[in-house]
Amino acid sequence: MHFKLIIAFVEDSKTDAVMDAAREAGATGCTVISNARGEGLTKNKTFFGLTLSTQRDVVLLLVEKHLSRHILEHIGEVGEFDAKPGTGIAVQIDVEDAVGVLHQSAELGVKVEEQL
């Protein structure tokens, strides 16, 4: 089985919705790293030296490669990544190898067969 890693940088207010959307689209789980920060096209505003920005979370999803594009598009819609600037981004990268996912193989096999 081949996997892709989807990395989504999400406003913390949308993290739960993005996680739910990923599950709806076929993801079997995720890892969330809280308290990330970043900068887009425009620099964050400051007020007396304090940066005014919303907290971000990093959502990591190891997904089967046949499901990855659908999951990526679905979380992008729910997170409104293309609709509103600064709401977040998501990317996917190839995973050469993975361990610890053997227990998910049976469930993933059924989901992939349904998609194909």
PDB file of N, CA and C in Angstrom:
ATOM      1  N   MET A   1       0.845  -1.168   0.000  1.00  0.00           N
ATOM      2  CA  MET A   1       0.000   0.000   0.000  1.00  0.00           C
ATOM      3  C   MET A   1       0.901   1.245   0.000  1.00  0.00           C
ATOM      4  N   HIS A   2       0.511   2.251  -0.763  1.00  0.00           N
ATOM      5  CA  HIS A   2       1.299   3.474  -0.875  1.00  0.00           C
ATOM      6  C   HIS A   2       0.545   4.631  -0.215  1.00  0.00           C
ATOM      7  N   PHE A   3       1.313   5.518   0.396  1.00  0.00           N
ATOM      8  CA  PHE A   3       0.706   6.595   1.173  1.00  0.00           C
ATOM      9  C   PHE A   3       1.179   7.969   0.713  1.00  0.00           C
ATOM     10  N   LYS A   4       0.396   8.957   1.054  1.00  0.00           N
ATOM     11  CA  LYS A   4       0.744  10.367   0.902  1.00  0.00           C
ATOM     12  C   LYS A   4       0.575  11.010   2.277  1.00  0.00           C
ATOM     13  N   LEU A   5       1.354  12.039   2.532  1.00  0.00           N
ATOM     14  CA  LEU A   5       1.218  12.809   3.754  1.00  0.00           C
ATOM     15  C   LEU A   5       0.602  14.150   3.384  1.00  0.00           C
ATOM     16  N   ILE A   6      -0.563  14.421   3.942  1.00  0.00           N
ATOM     17  CA  ILE A   6      -1.205  15.717   3.753  1.00  0.00           C
ATOM     18  C   ILE A   6      -0.869  16.558   4.965  1.00  0.00           C
ATOM     19  N   ILE A   7      -0.334  17.742   4.714  1.00  0.00           N
ATOM     20  CA  ILE A   7       0.006  18.685   5.777  1.00  0.00           C
ATOM     21  C   ILE A   7      -0.871  19.910   5.574  1.00  0.00           C
ATOM     22  N   ALA A   8      -1.702  20.205   6.563  1.00  0.00           N
ATOM     23  CA  ALA A   8      -2.607  21.355   6.470  1.00  0.00           C
ATOM     24  C   ALA A   8      -2.291  22.335   7.588  1.00  0.00           C
ATOM     25  N   PHE A   9      -2.134  23.594   7.220  1.00  0.00           N
ATOM     26  CA  PHE A   9      -1.925  24.674   8.182  1.00  0.00           C
ATOM     27  C   PHE A   9      -3.260  25.398   8.288  1.00  0.00           C
ATOM     28  N   VAL A  10      -3.895  25.313   9.450  1.00  0.00           N
ATOM     29  CA  VAL A  10      -5.296  25.675   9.606  1.00  0.00           C
ATOM     30  C   VAL A  10      -5.473  26.651  10.762  1.00  0.00           C
ATOM     31  N   GLU A  11      -6.413  27.606  10.607  1.00  0.00           N
ATOM     32  CA  GLU A  11      -6.796  28.440  11.746  1.00  0.00           C
ATOM     33  C   GLU A  11      -7.342  27.529  12.833  1.00  0.00           C
ATOM     34  N   ASP A  12      -6.985  27.810  14.080  1.00  0.00           N
ATOM     35  CA  ASP A  12      -7.403  26.897  15.145  1.00  0.00           C
ATOM     36  C   ASP A  12      -8.917  26.789  15.273  1.00  0.00           C
ATOM     37  N   SER A  13      -9.651  27.800  14.851  1.00  0.00           N
ATOM     38  CA  SER A  13     -11.111  27.735  14.924  1.00  0.00           C
ATOM     39  C   SER A  13     -11.697  26.761  13.903  1.00  0.00           C
ATOM     40  N   LYS A  14     -10.906  26.364  12.909  1.00  0.00           N
ATOM     41  CA  LYS A  14     -11.395  25.462  11.863  1.00  0.00           C
ATOM     42  C   LYS A  14     -10.779  24.064  11.944  1.00  0.00           C
ATOM     43  N   THR A  15      -9.934  23.827  12.924  1.00  0.00           N
ATOM     44  CA  THR A  15      -9.245  22.544  13.020  1.00  0.00           C
ATOM     45  C   THR A  15     -10.216  21.381  13.127  1.00  0.00           C
ATOM     46  N   ASP A  16     -11.189  21.461  14.007  1.00  0.00           N
ATOM     47  CA  ASP A  16     -12.137  20.359  14.181  1.00  0.00           C
ATOM     48  C   ASP A  16     -12.935  20.108  12.908  1.00  0.00           C
ATOM     49  N   ALA A  17     -13.356  21.167  12.228  1.00  0.00           N
ATOM     50  CA  ALA A  17     -14.114  21.013  10.985  1.00  0.00           C
ATOM     51  C   ALA A  17     -13.252  20.349   9.905  1.00  0.00           C
ATOM     52  N   VAL A  18     -11.977  20.715   9.832  1.00  0.00           N
ATOM     53  CA  VAL A  18     -11.068  20.113   8.854  1.00  0.00           C
ATOM     54  C   VAL A  18     -10.837  18.644   9.184  1.00  0.00           C
ATOM     55  N   MET A  19     -10.680  18.316  10.455  1.00  0.00           N
ATOM     56  CA  MET A  19     -10.500  16.918  10.853  1.00  0.00           C
ATOM     57  C   MET A  19     -11.740  16.090  10.510  1.00  0.00           C
ATOM     58  N   ASP A  20     -12.925  16.632  10.770  1.00  0.00           N
ATOM     59  CA  ASP A  20     -14.170  15.933  10.432  1.00  0.00           C
ATOM     60  C   ASP A  20     -14.288  15.738   8.921  1.00  0.00           C
ATOM     61  N   ALA A  21     -13.929  16.760   8.166  1.00  0.00           N
ATOM     62  CA  ALA A  21     -13.993  16.688   6.701  1.00  0.00           C
ATOM     63  C   ALA A  21     -13.036  15.618   6.172  1.00  0.00           C
ATOM     64  N   ALA A  22     -11.859  15.540   6.754  1.00  0.00           N
ATOM     65  CA  ALA A  22     -10.878  14.532   6.331  1.00  0.00           C
ATOM     66  C   ALA A  22     -11.419  13.128   6.574  1.00  0.00           C
ATOM     67  N   ARG A  23     -12.050  12.922   7.711  1.00  0.00           N
ATOM     68  CA  ARG A  23     -12.640  11.613   8.012  1.00  0.00           C
ATOM     69  C   ARG A  23     -13.774  11.278   7.043  1.00  0.00           C
ATOM     70  N   GLU A  24     -14.613  12.277   6.764  1.00  0.00           N
ATOM     71  CA  GLU A  24     -15.708  12.073   5.800  1.00  0.00           C
ATOM     72  C   GLU A  24     -15.169  11.650   4.432  1.00  0.00           C
ATOM     73  N   ALA A  25     -14.022  12.190   4.068  1.00  0.00           N
ATOM     74  CA  ALA A  25     -13.438  11.921   2.751  1.00  0.00           C
ATOM     75  C   ALA A  25     -12.604  10.650   2.709  1.00  0.00           C
ATOM     76  N   GLY A  26     -12.407   9.983   3.860  1.00  0.00           N
ATOM     77  CA  GLY A  26     -11.704   8.706   3.846  1.00  0.00           C
ATOM     78  C   GLY A  26     -10.471   8.597   4.717  1.00  0.00           C
ATOM     79  N   ALA A  27     -10.064   9.656   5.388  1.00  0.00           N
ATOM     80  CA  ALA A  27      -8.901   9.575   6.274  1.00  0.00           C
ATOM     81  C   ALA A  27      -9.250   8.722   7.493  1.00  0.00           C
ATOM     82  N   THR A  28      -8.269   7.990   7.991  1.00  0.00           N
ATOM     83  CA  THR A  28      -8.504   7.112   9.140  1.00  0.00           C
ATOM     84  C   THR A  28      -7.993   7.700  10.445  1.00  0.00           C
ATOM     85  N   GLY A  29      -7.396   8.875  10.408  1.00  0.00           N
ATOM     86  CA  GLY A  29      -6.908   9.520  11.619  1.00  0.00           C
ATOM     87  C   GLY A  29      -6.000  10.678  11.262  1.00  0.00           C
ATOM     88  N   CYS A  30      -5.570  11.403  12.273  1.00  0.00           N
ATOM     89  CA  CYS A  30      -4.673  12.532  12.029  1.00  0.00           C
ATOM     90  C   CYS A  30      -3.920  12.886  13.305  1.00  0.00           C
ATOM     91  N   THR A  31      -2.925  13.722  13.146  1.00  0.00           N
ATOM     92  CA  THR A  31      -2.169  14.274  14.263  1.00  0.00           C
ATOM     93  C   THR A  31      -2.237  15.786  14.157  1.00  0.00           C
ATOM     94  N   VAL A  32      -2.483  16.455  15.287  1.00  0.00           N
ATOM     95  CA  VAL A  32      -2.571  17.911  15.301  1.00  0.00           C
ATOM     96  C   VAL A  32      -1.429  18.465  16.145  1.00  0.00           C
ATOM     97  N   ILE A  33      -0.703  19.398  15.561  1.00  0.00           N
ATOM     98  CA  ILE A  33       0.348  20.120  16.282  1.00  0.00           C
ATOM     99  C   ILE A  33      -0.182  21.535  16.499  1.00  0.00           C
ATOM    100  N   SER A  34      -0.329  21.908  17.740  1.00  0.00           N
ATOM    101  CA  SER A  34      -0.924  23.209  18.067  1.00  0.00           C
ATOM    102  C   SER A  34       0.121  24.310  18.170  1.00  0.00           C
ATOM    103  N   ASN A  35      -0.384  25.531  18.113  1.00  0.00           N
ATOM    104  CA  ASN A  35       0.413  26.732  18.372  1.00  0.00           C
ATOM    105  C   ASN A  35       1.489  26.988  17.322  1.00  0.00           C
ATOM    106  N   ALA A  36       1.125  26.837  16.073  1.00  0.00           N
ATOM    107  CA  ALA A  36       2.048  27.193  14.989  1.00  0.00           C
ATOM    108  C   ALA A  36       1.759  28.634  14.585  1.00  0.00           C
ATOM    109  N   ARG A  37       2.705  29.261  13.941  1.00  0.00           N
ATOM    110  CA  ARG A  37       2.459  30.608  13.434  1.00  0.00           C
ATOM    111  C   ARG A  37       3.170  30.766  12.109  1.00  0.00           C
ATOM    112  N   GLY A  38       2.685  31.697  11.311  1.00  0.00           N
ATOM    113  CA  GLY A  38       3.277  31.893  10.005  1.00  0.00           C
ATOM    114  C   GLY A  38       2.900  33.246   9.446  1.00  0.00           C
ATOM    115  N   GLU A  39       3.323  33.466   8.229  1.00  0.00           N
ATOM    116  CA  GLU A  39       3.096  34.749   7.580  1.00  0.00           C
ATOM    117  C   GLU A  39       2.815  34.508   6.113  1.00  0.00           C
ATOM    118  N   GLY A  40       1.864  35.236   5.551  1.00  0.00           N
ATOM    119  CA  GLY A  40       1.510  35.095   4.149  1.00  0.00           C
ATOM    120  C   GLY A  40       2.065  36.241   3.321  1.00  0.00           C
ATOM    121  N   LEU A  41       1.281  36.674   2.331  1.00  0.00           N
ATOM    122  CA  LEU A  41       1.704  37.756   1.442  1.00  0.00           C
ATOM    123  C   LEU A  41       1.957  39.056   2.182  1.00  0.00           C
ATOM    124  N   THR A  42       1.095  39.341   3.140  1.00  0.00           N
ATOM    125  CA  THR A  42       1.256  40.577   3.901  1.00  0.00           C
ATOM    126  C   THR A  42       1.729  40.252   5.305  1.00  0.00           C
ATOM    127  N   LYS A  43       2.533  41.135   5.837  1.00  0.00           N
ATOM    128  CA  LYS A  43       3.073  40.954   7.176  1.00  0.00           C
ATOM    129  C   LYS A  43       1.977  41.116   8.217  1.00  0.00           C
ATOM    130  N   ASN A  44       2.046  40.336   9.304  1.00  0.00           N
ATOM    131  CA  ASN A  44       1.068  40.454  10.375  1.00  0.00           C
ATOM    132  C   ASN A  44       1.148  41.829  11.036  1.00  0.00           C
ATOM    133  N   LYS A  45      -0.005  42.346  11.411  1.00  0.00           N
ATOM    134  CA  LYS A  45      -0.043  43.641  12.090  1.00  0.00           C
ATOM    135  C   LYS A  45       0.407  43.502  13.531  1.00  0.00           C
ATOM    136  N   THR A  46       0.979  44.574  14.041  1.00  0.00           N
ATOM    137  CA  THR A  46       1.412  44.573  15.433  1.00  0.00           C
ATOM    138  C   THR A  46       0.755  45.728  16.174  1.00  0.00           C
ATOM    139  N   PHE A  47       0.640  45.563  17.481  1.00  0.00           N
ATOM    140  CA  PHE A  47       0.069  46.583  18.347  1.00  0.00           C
ATOM    141  C   PHE A  47       0.971  46.666  19.568  1.00  0.00           C
ATOM    142  N   PHE A  48       1.700  47.749  19.699  1.00  0.00           N
ATOM    143  CA  PHE A  48       2.681  47.922  20.771  1.00  0.00           C
ATOM    144  C   PHE A  48       3.653  46.746  20.861  1.00  0.00           C
ATOM    145  N   GLY A  49       4.100  46.285  19.704  1.00  0.00           N
ATOM    146  CA  GLY A  49       5.081  45.210  19.660  1.00  0.00           C
ATOM    147  C   GLY A  49       4.505  43.808  19.714  1.00  0.00           C
ATOM    148  N   LEU A  50       3.203  43.667  19.958  1.00  0.00           N
ATOM    149  CA  LEU A  50       2.573  42.350  19.994  1.00  0.00           C
ATOM    150  C   LEU A  50       1.955  42.047  18.637  1.00  0.00           C
ATOM    151  N   THR A  51       2.183  40.862  18.131  1.00  0.00           N
ATOM    152  CA  THR A  51       1.636  40.479  16.835  1.00  0.00           C
ATOM    153  C   THR A  51       0.164  40.127  16.984  1.00  0.00           C
ATOM    154  N   LEU A  52      -0.649  40.694  16.101  1.00  0.00           N
ATOM    155  CA  LEU A  52      -2.074  40.394  16.097  1.00  0.00           C
ATOM    156  C   LEU A  52      -2.345  39.344  15.026  1.00  0.00           C
ATOM    157  N   SER A  53      -2.420  38.099  15.425  1.00  0.00           N
ATOM    158  CA  SER A  53      -2.690  37.028  14.471  1.00  0.00           C
ATOM    159  C   SER A  53      -3.423  35.902  15.184  1.00  0.00           C
ATOM    160  N   THR A  54      -4.164  35.138  14.411  1.00  0.00           N
ATOM    161  CA  THR A  54      -4.872  34.003  14.990  1.00  0.00           C
ATOM    162  C   THR A  54      -3.920  32.826  15.117  1.00  0.00           C
ATOM    163  N   GLN A  55      -4.211  31.980  16.075  1.00  0.00           N
ATOM    164  CA  GLN A  55      -3.395  30.790  16.261  1.00  0.00           C
ATOM    165  C   GLN A  55      -3.649  29.814  15.132  1.00  0.00           C
ATOM    166  N   ARG A  56      -2.655  29.089  14.760  1.00  0.00           N
ATOM    167  CA  ARG A  56      -2.739  28.080  13.708  1.00  0.00           C
ATOM    168  C   ARG A  56      -2.428  26.709  14.297  1.00  0.00           C
ATOM    169  N   ASP A  57      -2.982  25.715  13.646  1.00  0.00           N
ATOM    170  CA  ASP A  57      -2.652  24.338  13.966  1.00  0.00           C
ATOM    171  C   ASP A  57      -2.110  23.680  12.703  1.00  0.00           C
ATOM    172  N   VAL A  58      -1.259  22.698  12.883  1.00  0.00           N
ATOM    173  CA  VAL A  58      -0.757  21.900  11.772  1.00  0.00           C
ATOM    174  C   VAL A  58      -1.419  20.530  11.896  1.00  0.00           C
ATOM    175  N   VAL A  59      -2.160  20.133  10.860  1.00  0.00           N
ATOM    176  CA  VAL A  59      -2.845  18.852  10.845  1.00  0.00           C
ATOM    177  C   VAL A  59      -2.090  17.936   9.883  1.00  0.00           C
ATOM    178  N   LEU A  60      -1.648  16.790  10.391  1.00  0.00           N
ATOM    179  CA  LEU A  60      -0.899  15.818   9.595  1.00  0.00           C
ATOM    180  C   LEU A  60      -1.780  14.604   9.365  1.00  0.00           C
ATOM    181  N   LEU A  61      -1.924  14.222   8.095  1.00  0.00           N
ATOM    182  CA  LEU A  61      -2.764  13.081   7.733  1.00  0.00           C
ATOM    183  C   LEU A  61      -1.967  12.129   6.849  1.00  0.00           C
ATOM    184  N   LEU A  62      -1.776  10.914   7.298  1.00  0.00           N
ATOM    185  CA  LEU A  62      -1.149   9.878   6.480  1.00  0.00           C
ATOM    186  C   LEU A  62      -2.289   9.111   5.828  1.00  0.00           C
ATOM    187  N   VAL A  63      -2.428   9.240   4.507  1.00  0.00           N
ATOM    188  CA  VAL A  63      -3.581   8.678   3.807  1.00  0.00           C
ATOM    189  C   VAL A  63      -3.135   7.813   2.628  1.00  0.00           C
ATOM    190  N   GLU A  64      -3.997   6.904   2.247  1.00  0.00           N
ATOM    191  CA  GLU A  64      -3.738   6.047   1.093  1.00  0.00           C
ATOM    192  C   GLU A  64      -3.733   6.908  -0.156  1.00  0.00           C
ATOM    193  N   LYS A  65      -2.816   6.656  -1.082  1.00  0.00           N
ATOM    194  CA  LYS A  65      -2.596   7.576  -2.203  1.00  0.00           C
ATOM    195  C   LYS A  65      -3.812   7.735  -3.113  1.00  0.00           C
ATOM    196  N   HIS A  66      -4.647   6.700  -3.249  1.00  0.00           N
ATOM    197  CA  HIS A  66      -5.826   6.820  -4.103  1.00  0.00           C
ATOM    198  C   HIS A  66      -6.901   7.724  -3.495  1.00  0.00           C
ATOM    199  N   LEU A  67      -6.856   7.918  -2.190  1.00  0.00           N
ATOM    200  CA  LEU A  67      -7.831   8.762  -1.504  1.00  0.00           C
ATOM    201  C   LEU A  67      -7.320  10.176  -1.278  1.00  0.00           C
ATOM    202  N   SER A  68      -6.025  10.387  -1.470  1.00  0.00           N
ATOM    203  CA  SER A  68      -5.385  11.629  -1.041  1.00  0.00           C
ATOM    204  C   SER A  68      -5.926  12.876  -1.731  1.00  0.00           C
ATOM    205  N   ARG A  69      -6.128  12.837  -3.026  1.00  0.00           N
ATOM    206  CA  ARG A  69      -6.584  14.045  -3.743  1.00  0.00           C
ATOM    207  C   ARG A  69      -7.985  14.458  -3.290  1.00  0.00           C
ATOM    208  N   HIS A  70      -8.868  13.478  -3.110  1.00  0.00           N
ATOM    209  CA  HIS A  70     -10.231  13.766  -2.650  1.00  0.00           C
ATOM    210  C   HIS A  70     -10.198  14.371  -1.241  1.00  0.00           C
ATOM    211  N   ILE A  71      -9.387  13.819  -0.379  1.00  0.00           N
ATOM    212  CA  ILE A  71      -9.265  14.340   0.992  1.00  0.00           C
ATOM    213  C   ILE A  71      -8.714  15.754   0.959  1.00  0.00           C
ATOM    214  N   LEU A  72      -7.664  15.977   0.170  1.00  0.00           N
ATOM    215  CA  LEU A  72      -7.041  17.298   0.060  1.00  0.00           C
ATOM    216  C   LEU A  72      -8.061  18.342  -0.406  1.00  0.00           C
ATOM    217  N   GLU A  73      -8.814  18.023  -1.444  1.00  0.00           N
ATOM    218  CA  GLU A  73      -9.803  18.972  -1.966  1.00  0.00           C
ATOM    219  C   GLU A  73     -10.917  19.236  -0.963  1.00  0.00           C
ATOM    220  N   HIS A  74     -11.357  18.180  -0.258  1.00  0.00           N
ATOM    221  CA  HIS A  74     -12.456  18.336   0.693  1.00  0.00           C
ATOM    222  C   HIS A  74     -12.047  19.209   1.889  1.00  0.00           C
ATOM    223  N   ILE A  75     -10.857  18.993   2.421  1.00  0.00           N
ATOM    224  CA  ILE A  75     -10.441  19.829   3.556  1.00  0.00           C
ATOM    225  C   ILE A  75     -10.186  21.269   3.104  1.00  0.00           C
ATOM    226  N   GLY A  76      -9.758  21.442   1.853  1.00  0.00           N
ATOM    227  CA  GLY A  76      -9.581  22.790   1.317  1.00  0.00           C
ATOM    228  C   GLY A  76     -10.894  23.545   1.232  1.00  0.00           C
ATOM    229  N   GLU A  77     -11.965  22.846   0.831  1.00  0.00           N
ATOM    230  CA  GLU A  77     -13.290  23.468   0.760  1.00  0.00           C
ATOM    231  C   GLU A  77     -13.797  23.836   2.154  1.00  0.00           C
ATOM    232  N   VAL A  78     -13.722  22.895   3.071  1.00  0.00           N
ATOM    233  CA  VAL A  78     -14.226  23.121   4.423  1.00  0.00           C
ATOM    234  C   VAL A  78     -13.408  24.197   5.145  1.00  0.00           C
ATOM    235  N   GLY A  79     -12.087  24.187   4.942  1.00  0.00           N
ATOM    236  CA  GLY A  79     -11.228  25.183   5.568  1.00  0.00           C
ATOM    237  C   GLY A  79     -11.266  26.533   4.883  1.00  0.00           C
ATOM    238  N   GLU A  80     -11.927  26.607   3.729  1.00  0.00           N
ATOM    239  CA  GLU A  80     -12.047  27.834   2.938  1.00  0.00           C
ATOM    240  C   GLU A  80     -10.688  28.408   2.551  1.00  0.00           C
ATOM    241  N   PHE A  81      -9.750  27.517   2.205  1.00  0.00           N
ATOM    242  CA  PHE A  81      -8.386  27.940   1.892  1.00  0.00           C
ATOM    243  C   PHE A  81      -8.325  28.827   0.655  1.00  0.00           C
ATOM    244  N   ASP A  82      -9.112  28.519  -0.368  1.00  0.00           N
ATOM    245  CA  ASP A  82      -9.097  29.332  -1.589  1.00  0.00           C
ATOM    246  C   ASP A  82     -10.104  30.469  -1.547  1.00  0.00           C
ATOM    247  N   ALA A  83     -11.092  30.393  -0.663  1.00  0.00           N
ATOM    248  CA  ALA A  83     -12.154  31.402  -0.612  1.00  0.00           C
ATOM    249  C   ALA A  83     -11.720  32.674   0.118  1.00  0.00           C
ATOM    250  N   LYS A  84     -10.905  32.525   1.158  1.00  0.00           N
ATOM    251  CA  LYS A  84     -10.495  33.672   1.974  1.00  0.00           C
ATOM    252  C   LYS A  84      -8.982  33.652   2.167  1.00  0.00           C
ATOM    253  N   PRO A  85      -8.301  34.746   1.871  1.00  0.00           N
ATOM    254  CA  PRO A  85      -6.852  34.791   2.089  1.00  0.00           C
ATOM    255  C   PRO A  85      -6.501  34.632   3.577  1.00  0.00           C
ATOM    256  N   GLY A  86      -5.438  33.906   3.831  1.00  0.00           N
ATOM    257  CA  GLY A  86      -4.941  33.771   5.197  1.00  0.00           C
ATOM    258  C   GLY A  86      -5.640  32.726   6.039  1.00  0.00           C
ATOM    259  N   THR A  87      -6.552  31.943   5.448  1.00  0.00           N
ATOM    260  CA  THR A  87      -7.261  30.941   6.250  1.00  0.00           C
ATOM    261  C   THR A  87      -6.477  29.653   6.404  1.00  0.00           C
ATOM    262  N   GLY A  88      -5.553  29.391   5.492  1.00  0.00           N
ATOM    263  CA  GLY A  88      -4.739  28.193   5.613  1.00  0.00           C
ATOM    264  C   GLY A  88      -4.338  27.652   4.260  1.00  0.00           C
ATOM    265  N   ILE A  89      -3.474  26.662   4.305  1.00  0.00           N
ATOM    266  CA  ILE A  89      -3.043  25.960   3.096  1.00  0.00           C
ATOM    267  C   ILE A  89      -2.912  24.477   3.424  1.00  0.00           C
ATOM    268  N   ALA A  90      -2.927  23.665   2.381  1.00  0.00           N
ATOM    269  CA  ALA A  90      -2.693  22.231   2.558  1.00  0.00           C
ATOM    270  C   ALA A  90      -1.872  21.737   1.369  1.00  0.00           C
ATOM    271  N   VAL A  91      -0.946  20.849   1.650  1.00  0.00           N
ATOM    272  CA  VAL A  91      -0.103  20.252   0.617  1.00  0.00           C
ATOM    273  C   VAL A  91      -0.045  18.752   0.856  1.00  0.00           C
ATOM    274  N   GLN A  92       0.306  18.024  -0.192  1.00  0.00           N
ATOM    275  CA  GLN A  92       0.529  16.593  -0.019  1.00  0.00           C
ATOM    276  C   GLN A  92       1.888  16.226  -0.584  1.00  0.00           C
ATOM    277  N   ILE A  93       2.550  15.288   0.082  1.00  0.00           N
ATOM    278  CA  ILE A  93       3.856  14.821  -0.364  1.00  0.00           C
ATOM    279  C   ILE A  93       3.857  13.293  -0.360  1.00  0.00           C
ATOM    280  N   ASP A  94       4.682  12.722  -1.211  1.00  0.00           N
ATOM    281  CA  ASP A  94       4.800  11.268  -1.270  1.00  0.00           C
ATOM    282  C   ASP A  94       5.504  10.746  -0.029  1.00  0.00           C
ATOM    283  N   VAL A  95       5.081   9.578   0.413  1.00  0.00           N
ATOM    284  CA  VAL A  95       5.717   8.905   1.542  1.00  0.00           C
ATOM    285  C   VAL A  95       6.377   7.646   0.993  1.00  0.00           C
ATOM    286  N   GLU A  96       7.676   7.542   1.204  1.00  0.00           N
ATOM    287  CA  GLU A  96       8.404   6.399   0.678  1.00  0.00           C
ATOM    288  C   GLU A  96       8.062   5.114   1.415  1.00  0.00           C
ATOM    289  N   ASP A  97       7.916   5.200   2.725  1.00  0.00           N
ATOM    290  CA  ASP A  97       7.647   4.011   3.526  1.00  0.00           C
ATOM    291  C   ASP A  97       6.989   4.427   4.826  1.00  0.00           C
ATOM    292  N   ALA A  98       6.241   3.533   5.439  1.00  0.00           N
ATOM    293  CA  ALA A  98       5.580   3.822   6.712  1.00  0.00           C
ATOM    294  C   ALA A  98       5.458   2.540   7.524  1.00  0.00           C
ATOM    295  N   VAL A  99       5.585   2.661   8.822  1.00  0.00           N
ATOM    296  CA  VAL A  99       5.342   1.544   9.733  1.00  0.00           C
ATOM    297  C   VAL A  99       4.269   1.982  10.725  1.00  0.00           C
ATOM    298  N   GLY A 100       3.622   1.012  11.331  1.00  0.00           N
ATOM    299  CA  GLY A 100       2.589   1.327  12.311  1.00  0.00           C
ATOM    300  C   GLY A 100       1.205   1.504  11.715  1.00  0.00           C
ATOM    301  N   VAL A 101       1.047   1.211  10.435  1.00  0.00           N
ATOM    302  CA  VAL A 101      -0.259   1.373   9.784  1.00  0.00           C
ATOM    303  C   VAL A 101      -0.846   0.024   9.345  1.00  0.00           C
ATOM    304  N   LEU A 102      -0.214  -1.056   9.735  1.00  0.00           N
ATOM    305  CA  LEU A 102      -0.666  -2.384   9.332  1.00  0.00           C
ATOM    306  C   LEU A 102      -2.087  -2.667   9.807  1.00  0.00           C
ATOM    307  N   HIS A 103      -2.427  -2.197  11.005  1.00  0.00           N
ATOM    308  CA  HIS A 103      -3.757  -2.449  11.554  1.00  0.00           C
ATOM    309  C   HIS A 103      -4.861  -1.723  10.782  1.00  0.00           C
ATOM    310  N   GLN A 104      -4.500  -0.742   9.965  1.00  0.00           N
ATOM    311  CA  GLN A 104      -5.482  -0.006   9.176  1.00  0.00           C
ATOM    312  C   GLN A 104      -5.619  -0.559   7.759  1.00  0.00           C
ATOM    313  N   SER A 105      -4.785  -1.490   7.376  1.00  0.00           N
ATOM    314  CA  SER A 105      -4.753  -1.988   6.000  1.00  0.00           C
ATOM    315  C   SER A 105      -6.086  -2.558   5.534  1.00  0.00           C
ATOM    316  N   ALA A 106      -6.743  -3.339   6.372  1.00  0.00           N
ATOM    317  CA  ALA A 106      -8.011  -3.959   5.961  1.00  0.00           C
ATOM    318  C   ALA A 106      -9.063  -2.893   5.676  1.00  0.00           C
ATOM    319  N   GLU A 107      -9.195  -1.937   6.566  1.00  0.00           N
ATOM    320  CA  GLU A 107     -10.183  -0.869   6.373  1.00  0.00           C
ATOM    321  C   GLU A 107      -9.842  -0.018   5.159  1.00  0.00           C
ATOM    322  N   LEU A 108      -8.576   0.304   4.997  1.00  0.00           N
ATOM    323  CA  LEU A 108      -8.158   1.107   3.844  1.00  0.00           C
ATOM    324  C   LEU A 108      -8.372   0.343   2.543  1.00  0.00           C
ATOM    325  N   GLY A 109      -8.138  -0.946   2.537  1.00  0.00           N
ATOM    326  CA  GLY A 109      -8.354  -1.755   1.343  1.00  0.00           C
ATOM    327  C   GLY A 109      -9.793  -1.683   0.866  1.00  0.00           C
ATOM    328  N   VAL A 110     -10.733  -1.742   1.795  1.00  0.00           N
ATOM    329  CA  VAL A 110     -12.157  -1.663   1.442  1.00  0.00           C
ATOM    330  C   VAL A 110     -12.486  -0.270   0.896  1.00  0.00           C
ATOM    331  N   LYS A 111     -11.990   0.770   1.532  1.00  0.00           N
ATOM    332  CA  LYS A 111     -12.270   2.146   1.085  1.00  0.00           C
ATOM    333  C   LYS A 111     -11.693   2.414  -0.304  1.00  0.00           C
ATOM    334  N   VAL A 112     -10.498   1.916  -0.558  1.00  0.00           N
ATOM    335  CA  VAL A 112      -9.862   2.138  -1.857  1.00  0.00           C
ATOM    336  C   VAL A 112     -10.631   1.394  -2.947  1.00  0.00           C
ATOM    337  N   GLU A 113     -11.065   0.173  -2.655  1.00  0.00           N
ATOM    338  CA  GLU A 113     -11.841  -0.584  -3.641  1.00  0.00           C
ATOM    339  C   GLU A 113     -13.145   0.140  -3.981  1.00  0.00           C
ATOM    340  N   GLU A 114     -13.779   0.766  -2.986  1.00  0.00           N
ATOM    341  CA  GLU A 114     -15.011   1.515  -3.231  1.00  0.00           C
ATOM    342  C   GLU A 114     -14.751   2.719  -4.139  1.00  0.00           C
ATOM    343  N   GLN A 115     -13.599   3.379  -3.969  1.00  0.00           N
ATOM    344  CA  GLN A 115     -13.254   4.546  -4.772  1.00  0.00           C
ATOM    345  C   GLN A 115     -12.935   4.168  -6.211  1.00  0.00           C
ATOM    346  N   LEU A 116     -12.322   3.004  -6.400  1.00  0.00           N
ATOM    347  CA  LEU A 116     -11.926   2.588  -7.749  1.00  0.00           C
ATOM    348  C   LEU A 116     -13.072   1.930  -8.412  1.00  0.00           C
TER     349      LEU A 116
END
